[in-house]
């Protein structure tokens, strides 16, 4: 039972961290590019941590949303 509780706590922390990463990326994108489309928001909500990090790094130099999501299907405009 203790093992199950420990696993549940770890899973909860991981999910919380992932949600925090999503929220930070959404906020930064909105600050930089304005209102985000539903498609962009949905894409971010479905992304894993590695993908979110890649997009966040691209945000540093991107001039448009398409530059951030370039190379990832489907394309965003």
PDB file of N, CA and C in Angstrom:
ATOM      1  N   UNK A   1       0.820  -1.188   0.000  1.00  0.00           N
ATOM      2  CA  UNK A   1       0.000   0.000   0.000  1.00  0.00           C
ATOM      3  C   UNK A   1       0.871   1.262   0.000  1.00  0.00           C
ATOM      4  N   UNK A   2       1.944   1.257   0.794  1.00  0.00           N
ATOM      5  CA  UNK A   2       2.844   2.407   0.822  1.00  0.00           C
ATOM      6  C   UNK A   2       3.450   2.653  -0.557  1.00  0.00           C
ATOM      7  N   UNK A   3       3.812   1.568  -1.235  1.00  0.00           N
ATOM      8  CA  UNK A   3       4.408   1.697  -2.566  1.00  0.00           C
ATOM      9  C   UNK A   3       3.417   2.350  -3.533  1.00  0.00           C
ATOM     10  N   UNK A   4       2.163   1.946  -3.453  1.00  0.00           N
ATOM     11  CA  UNK A   4       1.132   2.528  -4.314  1.00  0.00           C
ATOM     12  C   UNK A   4       0.926   4.000  -4.026  1.00  0.00           C
ATOM     13  N   UNK A   5       0.962   4.370  -2.757  1.00  0.00           N
ATOM     14  CA  UNK A   5       0.811   5.776  -2.394  1.00  0.00           C
ATOM     15  C   UNK A   5       2.003   6.588  -2.888  1.00  0.00           C
ATOM     16  N   UNK A   6       3.188   6.017  -2.765  1.00  0.00           N
ATOM     17  CA  UNK A   6       4.398   6.697  -3.229  1.00  0.00           C
ATOM     18  C   UNK A   6       4.344   6.917  -4.742  1.00  0.00           C
ATOM     19  N   UNK A   7       3.937   5.879  -5.466  1.00  0.00           N
ATOM     20  CA  UNK A   7       3.820   5.999  -6.922  1.00  0.00           C
ATOM     21  C   UNK A   7       2.770   7.041  -7.298  1.00  0.00           C
ATOM     22  N   UNK A   8       1.677   7.057  -6.563  1.00  0.00           N
ATOM     23  CA  UNK A   8       0.627   8.041  -6.833  1.00  0.00           C
ATOM     24  C   UNK A   8       1.119   9.464  -6.610  1.00  0.00           C
ATOM     25  N   UNK A   9       1.872   9.676  -5.545  1.00  0.00           N
ATOM     26  CA  UNK A   9       2.437  11.000  -5.277  1.00  0.00           C
ATOM     27  C   UNK A   9       3.419  11.414  -6.364  1.00  0.00           C
ATOM     28  N   UNK A  10       4.272  10.486  -6.771  1.00  0.00           N
ATOM     29  CA  UNK A  10       5.242  10.794  -7.827  1.00  0.00           C
ATOM     30  C   UNK A  10       4.544  11.126  -9.129  1.00  0.00           C
ATOM     31  N   UNK A  11       3.517  10.381  -9.465  1.00  0.00           N
ATOM     32  CA  UNK A  11       2.768  10.637 -10.692  1.00  0.00           C
ATOM     33  C   UNK A  11       2.076  11.999 -10.614  1.00  0.00           C
ATOM     34  N   UNK A  12       1.526  12.310  -9.452  1.00  0.00           N
ATOM     35  CA  UNK A  12       0.874  13.602  -9.256  1.00  0.00           C
ATOM     36  C   UNK A  12       1.848  14.764  -9.402  1.00  0.00           C
ATOM     37  N   UNK A  13       3.043  14.604  -8.859  1.00  0.00           N
ATOM     38  CA  UNK A  13       4.064  15.645  -8.988  1.00  0.00           C
ATOM     39  C   UNK A  13       4.476  15.833 -10.444  1.00  0.00           C
ATOM     40  N   UNK A  14       4.657  14.722 -11.144  1.00  0.00           N
ATOM     41  CA  UNK A  14       5.051  14.796 -12.552  1.00  0.00           C
ATOM     42  C   UNK A  14       3.972  15.489 -13.381  1.00  0.00           C
ATOM     43  N   UNK A  15       2.719  15.153 -13.123  1.00  0.00           N
ATOM     44  CA  UNK A  15       1.615  15.783 -13.855  1.00  0.00           C
ATOM     45  C   UNK A  15       1.532  17.272 -13.531  1.00  0.00           C
ATOM     46  N   UNK A  16       1.769  17.618 -12.276  1.00  0.00           N
ATOM     47  CA  UNK A  16       1.753  19.020 -11.875  1.00  0.00           C
ATOM     48  C   UNK A  16       2.873  19.801 -12.533  1.00  0.00           C
ATOM     49  N   UNK A  17       4.044  19.210 -12.608  1.00  0.00           N
ATOM     50  CA  UNK A  17       5.183  19.850 -13.258  1.00  0.00           C
ATOM     51  C   UNK A  17       4.899  20.066 -14.738  1.00  0.00           C
ATOM     52  N   UNK A  18       4.360  19.063 -15.399  1.00  0.00           N
ATOM     53  CA  UNK A  18       4.027  19.161 -16.820  1.00  0.00           C
ATOM     54  C   UNK A  18       2.994  20.258 -17.057  1.00  0.00           C
ATOM     55  N   UNK A  19       1.988  20.328 -16.210  1.00  0.00           N
ATOM     56  CA  UNK A  19       0.970  21.376 -16.359  1.00  0.00           C
ATOM     57  C   UNK A  19       1.589  22.757 -16.159  1.00  0.00           C
ATOM     58  N   UNK A  20       2.513  22.878 -15.226  1.00  0.00           N
ATOM     59  CA  UNK A  20       3.201  24.147 -15.016  1.00  0.00           C
ATOM     60  C   UNK A  20       4.009  24.551 -16.229  1.00  0.00           C
ATOM     61  N   UNK A  21       4.690  23.596 -16.851  1.00  0.00           N
ATOM     62  CA  UNK A  21       5.461  23.872 -18.064  1.00  0.00           C
ATOM     63  C   UNK A  21       4.543  24.363 -19.173  1.00  0.00           C
ATOM     64  N   UNK A  22       3.403  23.729 -19.303  1.00  0.00           N
ATOM     65  CA  UNK A  22       2.435  24.142 -20.324  1.00  0.00           C
ATOM     66  C   UNK A  22       1.962  25.570 -20.086  1.00  0.00           C
ATOM     67  N   UNK A  23       1.633  25.883 -18.851  1.00  0.00           N
ATOM     68  CA  UNK A  23       1.127  27.211 -18.529  1.00  0.00           C
ATOM     69  C   UNK A  23       2.176  28.296 -18.772  1.00  0.00           C
ATOM     70  N   UNK A  24       3.414  28.017 -18.435  1.00  0.00           N
ATOM     71  CA  UNK A  24       4.479  28.999 -18.667  1.00  0.00           C
ATOM     72  C   UNK A  24       4.662  29.232 -20.161  1.00  0.00           C
ATOM     73  N   UNK A  25       4.702  28.159 -20.946  1.00  0.00           N
ATOM     74  CA  UNK A  25       4.865  28.328 -22.391  1.00  0.00           C
ATOM     75  C   UNK A  25       3.689  29.090 -22.985  1.00  0.00           C
ATOM     76  N   UNK A  26       2.484  28.759 -22.586  1.00  0.00           N
ATOM     77  CA  UNK A  26       1.313  29.485 -23.084  1.00  0.00           C
ATOM     78  C   UNK A  26       1.409  30.969 -22.756  1.00  0.00           C
ATOM     79  N   UNK A  27       1.788  31.270 -21.549  1.00  0.00           N
ATOM     80  CA  UNK A  27       1.879  32.672 -21.131  1.00  0.00           C
ATOM     81  C   UNK A  27       2.950  33.425 -21.918  1.00  0.00           C
ATOM     82  N   UNK A  28       4.102  32.803 -22.114  1.00  0.00           N
ATOM     83  CA  UNK A  28       5.172  33.452 -22.875  1.00  0.00           C
ATOM     84  C   UNK A  28       4.778  33.661 -24.336  1.00  0.00           C
ATOM     85  N   UNK A  29       4.137  32.664 -24.921  1.00  0.00           N
ATOM     86  CA  UNK A  29       3.685  32.797 -26.304  1.00  0.00           C
ATOM     87  C   UNK A  29       2.664  33.918 -26.436  1.00  0.00           C
ATOM     88  N   UNK A  30       1.740  34.005 -25.501  1.00  0.00           N
ATOM     89  CA  UNK A  30       0.737  35.068 -25.537  1.00  0.00           C
ATOM     90  C   UNK A  30       1.392  36.437 -25.391  1.00  0.00           C
ATOM     91  N   UNK A  31       2.349  36.542 -24.514  1.00  0.00           N
ATOM     92  CA  UNK A  31       3.054  37.822 -24.324  1.00  0.00           C
ATOM     93  C   UNK A  31       3.747  38.266 -25.589  1.00  0.00           C
ATOM     94  N   UNK A  32       4.320  37.304 -26.281  1.00  0.00           N
ATOM     95  CA  UNK A  32       5.123  37.626 -27.458  1.00  0.00           C
ATOM     96  C   UNK A  32       4.285  37.811 -28.710  1.00  0.00           C
ATOM     97  N   UNK A  33       3.267  36.959 -28.895  1.00  0.00           N
ATOM     98  CA  UNK A  33       2.535  36.938 -30.158  1.00  0.00           C
ATOM     99  C   UNK A  33       1.053  37.307 -30.032  1.00  0.00           C
ATOM    100  N   UNK A  34       0.592  37.577 -28.830  1.00  0.00           N
ATOM    101  CA  UNK A  34      -0.816  37.917 -28.651  1.00  0.00           C
ATOM    102  C   UNK A  34      -1.690  36.683 -28.507  1.00  0.00           C
ATOM    103  N   UNK A  35      -2.963  36.889 -28.745  1.00  0.00           N
ATOM    104  CA  UNK A  35      -3.939  35.810 -28.561  1.00  0.00           C
ATOM    105  C   UNK A  35      -3.563  34.582 -29.393  1.00  0.00           C
ATOM    106  N   UNK A  36      -3.651  33.416 -28.753  1.00  0.00           N
ATOM    107  CA  UNK A  36      -3.298  32.159 -29.408  1.00  0.00           C
ATOM    108  C   UNK A  36      -4.554  31.451 -29.897  1.00  0.00           C
ATOM    109  N   UNK A  37      -4.432  30.796 -31.018  1.00  0.00           N
ATOM    110  CA  UNK A  37      -5.564  30.054 -31.570  1.00  0.00           C
ATOM    111  C   UNK A  37      -5.858  28.821 -30.714  1.00  0.00           C
ATOM    112  N   UNK A  38      -7.041  28.320 -30.882  1.00  0.00           N
ATOM    113  CA  UNK A  38      -7.440  27.096 -30.185  1.00  0.00           C
ATOM    114  C   UNK A  38      -6.521  25.942 -30.577  1.00  0.00           C
ATOM    115  N   UNK A  39      -6.118  25.889 -31.843  1.00  0.00           N
ATOM    116  CA  UNK A  39      -5.243  24.814 -32.316  1.00  0.00           C
ATOM    117  C   UNK A  39      -3.887  24.843 -31.601  1.00  0.00           C
ATOM    118  N   UNK A  40      -3.337  26.035 -31.418  1.00  0.00           N
ATOM    119  CA  UNK A  40      -2.050  26.161 -30.724  1.00  0.00           C
ATOM    120  C   UNK A  40      -2.210  25.745 -29.268  1.00  0.00           C
ATOM    121  N   UNK A  41      -3.250  26.210 -28.615  1.00  0.00           N
ATOM    122  CA  UNK A  41      -3.483  25.846 -27.212  1.00  0.00           C
ATOM    123  C   UNK A  41      -3.647  24.339 -27.053  1.00  0.00           C
ATOM    124  N   UNK A  42      -4.408  23.748 -27.947  1.00  0.00           N
ATOM    125  CA  UNK A  42      -4.653  22.316 -27.889  1.00  0.00           C
ATOM    126  C   UNK A  42      -3.354  21.534 -28.104  1.00  0.00           C
ATOM    127  N   UNK A  43      -2.568  21.994 -29.024  1.00  0.00           N
ATOM    128  CA  UNK A  43      -1.291  21.337 -29.306  1.00  0.00           C
ATOM    129  C   UNK A  43      -0.387  21.349 -28.080  1.00  0.00           C
ATOM    130  N   UNK A  44      -0.342  22.474 -27.402  1.00  0.00           N
ATOM    131  CA  UNK A  44       0.477  22.592 -26.197  1.00  0.00           C
ATOM    132  C   UNK A  44      -0.070  21.675 -25.106  1.00  0.00           C
ATOM    133  N   UNK A  45      -1.381  21.597 -24.968  1.00  0.00           N
ATOM    134  CA  UNK A  45      -1.979  20.740 -23.941  1.00  0.00           C
ATOM    135  C   UNK A  45      -1.695  19.257 -24.189  1.00  0.00           C
ATOM    136  N   UNK A  46      -1.439  18.892 -25.424  1.00  0.00           N
ATOM    137  CA  UNK A  46      -1.193  17.487 -25.759  1.00  0.00           C
ATOM    138  C   UNK A  46       0.296  17.133 -25.783  1.00  0.00           C
ATOM    139  N   UNK A  47       1.163  18.129 -25.638  1.00  0.00           N
ATOM    140  CA  UNK A  47       2.598  17.907 -25.747  1.00  0.00           C
ATOM    141  C   UNK A  47       3.189  17.333 -24.462  1.00  0.00           C
ATOM    142  N   UNK A  48       4.278  16.589 -24.634  1.00  0.00           N
ATOM    143  CA  UNK A  48       5.008  16.100 -23.472  1.00  0.00           C
ATOM    144  C   UNK A  48       6.089  17.109 -23.085  1.00  0.00           C
ATOM    145  N   UNK A  49       6.772  16.840 -22.005  1.00  0.00           N
ATOM    146  CA  UNK A  49       7.751  17.762 -21.447  1.00  0.00           C
ATOM    147  C   UNK A  49       8.884  18.065 -22.427  1.00  0.00           C
ATOM    148  N   UNK A  50       9.377  17.052 -23.122  1.00  0.00           N
ATOM    149  CA  UNK A  50      10.479  17.251 -24.071  1.00  0.00           C
ATOM    150  C   UNK A  50      10.061  18.187 -25.202  1.00  0.00           C
ATOM    151  N   UNK A  51       8.858  18.013 -25.712  1.00  0.00           N
ATOM    152  CA  UNK A  51       8.367  18.864 -26.796  1.00  0.00           C
ATOM    153  C   UNK A  51       8.175  20.295 -26.305  1.00  0.00           C
ATOM    154  N   UNK A  52       7.633  20.451 -25.111  1.00  0.00           N
ATOM    155  CA  UNK A  52       7.450  21.790 -24.549  1.00  0.00           C
ATOM    156  C   UNK A  52       8.784  22.509 -24.398  1.00  0.00           C
ATOM    157  N   UNK A  53       9.801  21.796 -23.959  1.00  0.00           N
ATOM    158  CA  UNK A  53      11.132  22.388 -23.812  1.00  0.00           C
ATOM    159  C   UNK A  53      11.680  22.820 -25.170  1.00  0.00           C
ATOM    160  N   UNK A  54      11.502  21.997 -26.181  1.00  0.00           N
ATOM    161  CA  UNK A  54      11.973  22.348 -27.526  1.00  0.00           C
ATOM    162  C   UNK A  54      11.287  23.614 -28.023  1.00  0.00           C
ATOM    163  N   UNK A  55       9.986  23.707 -27.844  1.00  0.00           N
ATOM    164  CA  UNK A  55       9.261  24.904 -28.272  1.00  0.00           C
ATOM    165  C   UNK A  55       9.693  26.129 -27.475  1.00  0.00           C
ATOM    166  N   UNK A  56       9.914  25.955 -26.178  1.00  0.00           N
ATOM    167  CA  UNK A  56      10.344  27.074 -25.335  1.00  0.00           C
ATOM    168  C   UNK A  56      11.706  27.595 -25.790  1.00  0.00           C
ATOM    169  N   UNK A  57      12.601  26.703 -26.159  1.00  0.00           N
ATOM    170  CA  UNK A  57      13.909  27.127 -26.657  1.00  0.00           C
ATOM    171  C   UNK A  57      13.781  27.869 -27.983  1.00  0.00           C
ATOM    172  N   UNK A  58      12.901  27.405 -28.849  1.00  0.00           N
ATOM    173  CA  UNK A  58      12.683  28.085 -30.129  1.00  0.00           C
ATOM    174  C   UNK A  58      12.089  29.479 -29.923  1.00  0.00           C
ATOM    175  N   UNK A  59      11.316  29.640 -28.871  1.00  0.00           N
ATOM    176  CA  UNK A  59      10.690  30.925 -28.571  1.00  0.00           C
ATOM    177  C   UNK A  59      11.729  32.030 -28.400  1.00  0.00           C
ATOM    178  N   UNK A  60      12.911  31.693 -27.964  1.00  0.00           N
ATOM    179  CA  UNK A  60      13.955  32.682 -27.719  1.00  0.00           C
ATOM    180  C   UNK A  60      14.375  33.429 -28.979  1.00  0.00           C
ATOM    181  N   UNK A  61      14.298  32.773 -30.136  1.00  0.00           N
ATOM    182  CA  UNK A  61      14.761  33.402 -31.373  1.00  0.00           C
ATOM    183  C   UNK A  61      13.681  33.529 -32.446  1.00  0.00           C
ATOM    184  N   UNK A  62      12.546  32.914 -32.243  1.00  0.00           N
ATOM    185  CA  UNK A  62      11.491  32.901 -33.267  1.00  0.00           C
ATOM    186  C   UNK A  62      10.870  34.279 -33.459  1.00  0.00           C
ATOM    187  N   UNK A  63      10.547  34.583 -34.694  1.00  0.00           N
ATOM    188  CA  UNK A  63       9.858  35.818 -35.030  1.00  0.00           C
ATOM    189  C   UNK A  63       8.367  35.585 -35.264  1.00  0.00           C
ATOM    190  N   UNK A  64       7.962  34.312 -35.307  1.00  0.00           N
ATOM    191  CA  UNK A  64       6.559  33.972 -35.535  1.00  0.00           C
ATOM    192  C   UNK A  64       6.245  32.635 -34.877  1.00  0.00           C
ATOM    193  N   UNK A  65       4.963  32.372 -34.705  1.00  0.00           N
ATOM    194  CA  UNK A  65       4.548  31.082 -34.157  1.00  0.00           C
ATOM    195  C   UNK A  65       4.968  29.927 -35.056  1.00  0.00           C
ATOM    196  N   UNK A  66       4.918  30.146 -36.357  1.00  0.00           N
ATOM    197  CA  UNK A  66       5.285  29.064 -37.266  1.00  0.00           C
ATOM    198  C   UNK A  66       6.751  28.661 -37.096  1.00  0.00           C
ATOM    199  N   UNK A  67       7.601  29.601 -36.731  1.00  0.00           N
ATOM    200  CA  UNK A  67       9.000  29.250 -36.475  1.00  0.00           C
ATOM    201  C   UNK A  67       9.147  28.377 -35.236  1.00  0.00           C
ATOM    202  N   UNK A  68       8.289  28.554 -34.284  1.00  0.00           N
ATOM    203  CA  UNK A  68       8.353  27.754 -33.062  1.00  0.00           C
ATOM    204  C   UNK A  68       7.908  26.328 -33.345  1.00  0.00           C
ATOM    205  N   UNK A  69       6.841  26.188 -34.104  1.00  0.00           N
ATOM    206  CA  UNK A  69       6.274  24.872 -34.352  1.00  0.00           C
ATOM    207  C   UNK A  69       6.778  24.237 -35.650  1.00  0.00           C
ATOM    208  N   UNK A  70       7.673  24.924 -36.362  1.00  0.00           N
ATOM    209  CA  UNK A  70       8.208  24.434 -37.636  1.00  0.00           C
ATOM    210  C   UNK A  70       8.862  23.069 -37.449  1.00  0.00           C
ATOM    211  N   UNK A  71       8.562  22.177 -38.359  1.00  0.00           N
ATOM    212  CA  UNK A  71       9.146  20.856 -38.291  1.00  0.00           C
ATOM    213  C   UNK A  71       8.302  19.887 -37.476  1.00  0.00           C
ATOM    214  N   UNK A  72       7.272  20.391 -36.833  1.00  0.00           N
ATOM    215  CA  UNK A  72       6.355  19.562 -36.077  1.00  0.00           C
ATOM    216  C   UNK A  72       5.033  19.528 -36.853  1.00  0.00           C
ATOM    217  N   UNK A  73       4.449  18.385 -37.005  1.00  0.00           N
ATOM    218  CA  UNK A  73       3.174  18.297 -37.723  1.00  0.00           C
ATOM    219  C   UNK A  73       2.030  18.405 -36.738  1.00  0.00           C
ATOM    220  N   UNK A  74       0.923  19.003 -37.074  1.00  0.00           N
ATOM    221  CA  UNK A  74       0.660  19.776 -38.277  1.00  0.00           C
ATOM    222  C   UNK A  74       1.191  21.196 -38.142  1.00  0.00           C
ATOM    223  N   UNK A  75       1.364  21.845 -39.273  1.00  0.00           N
ATOM    224  CA  UNK A  75       1.886  23.210 -39.286  1.00  0.00           C
ATOM    225  C   UNK A  75       0.899  24.179 -38.668  1.00  0.00           C
ATOM    226  N   UNK A  76       1.433  25.217 -38.022  1.00  0.00           N
ATOM    227  CA  UNK A  76       0.611  26.252 -37.390  1.00  0.00           C
ATOM    228  C   UNK A  76       0.882  27.554 -38.093  1.00  0.00           C
ATOM    229  N   UNK A  77      -0.159  28.319 -38.381  1.00  0.00           N
ATOM    230  CA  UNK A  77       0.063  29.639 -38.990  1.00  0.00           C
ATOM    231  C   UNK A  77      -0.605  30.715 -38.198  1.00  0.00           C
TER     232      UNK A  77
END
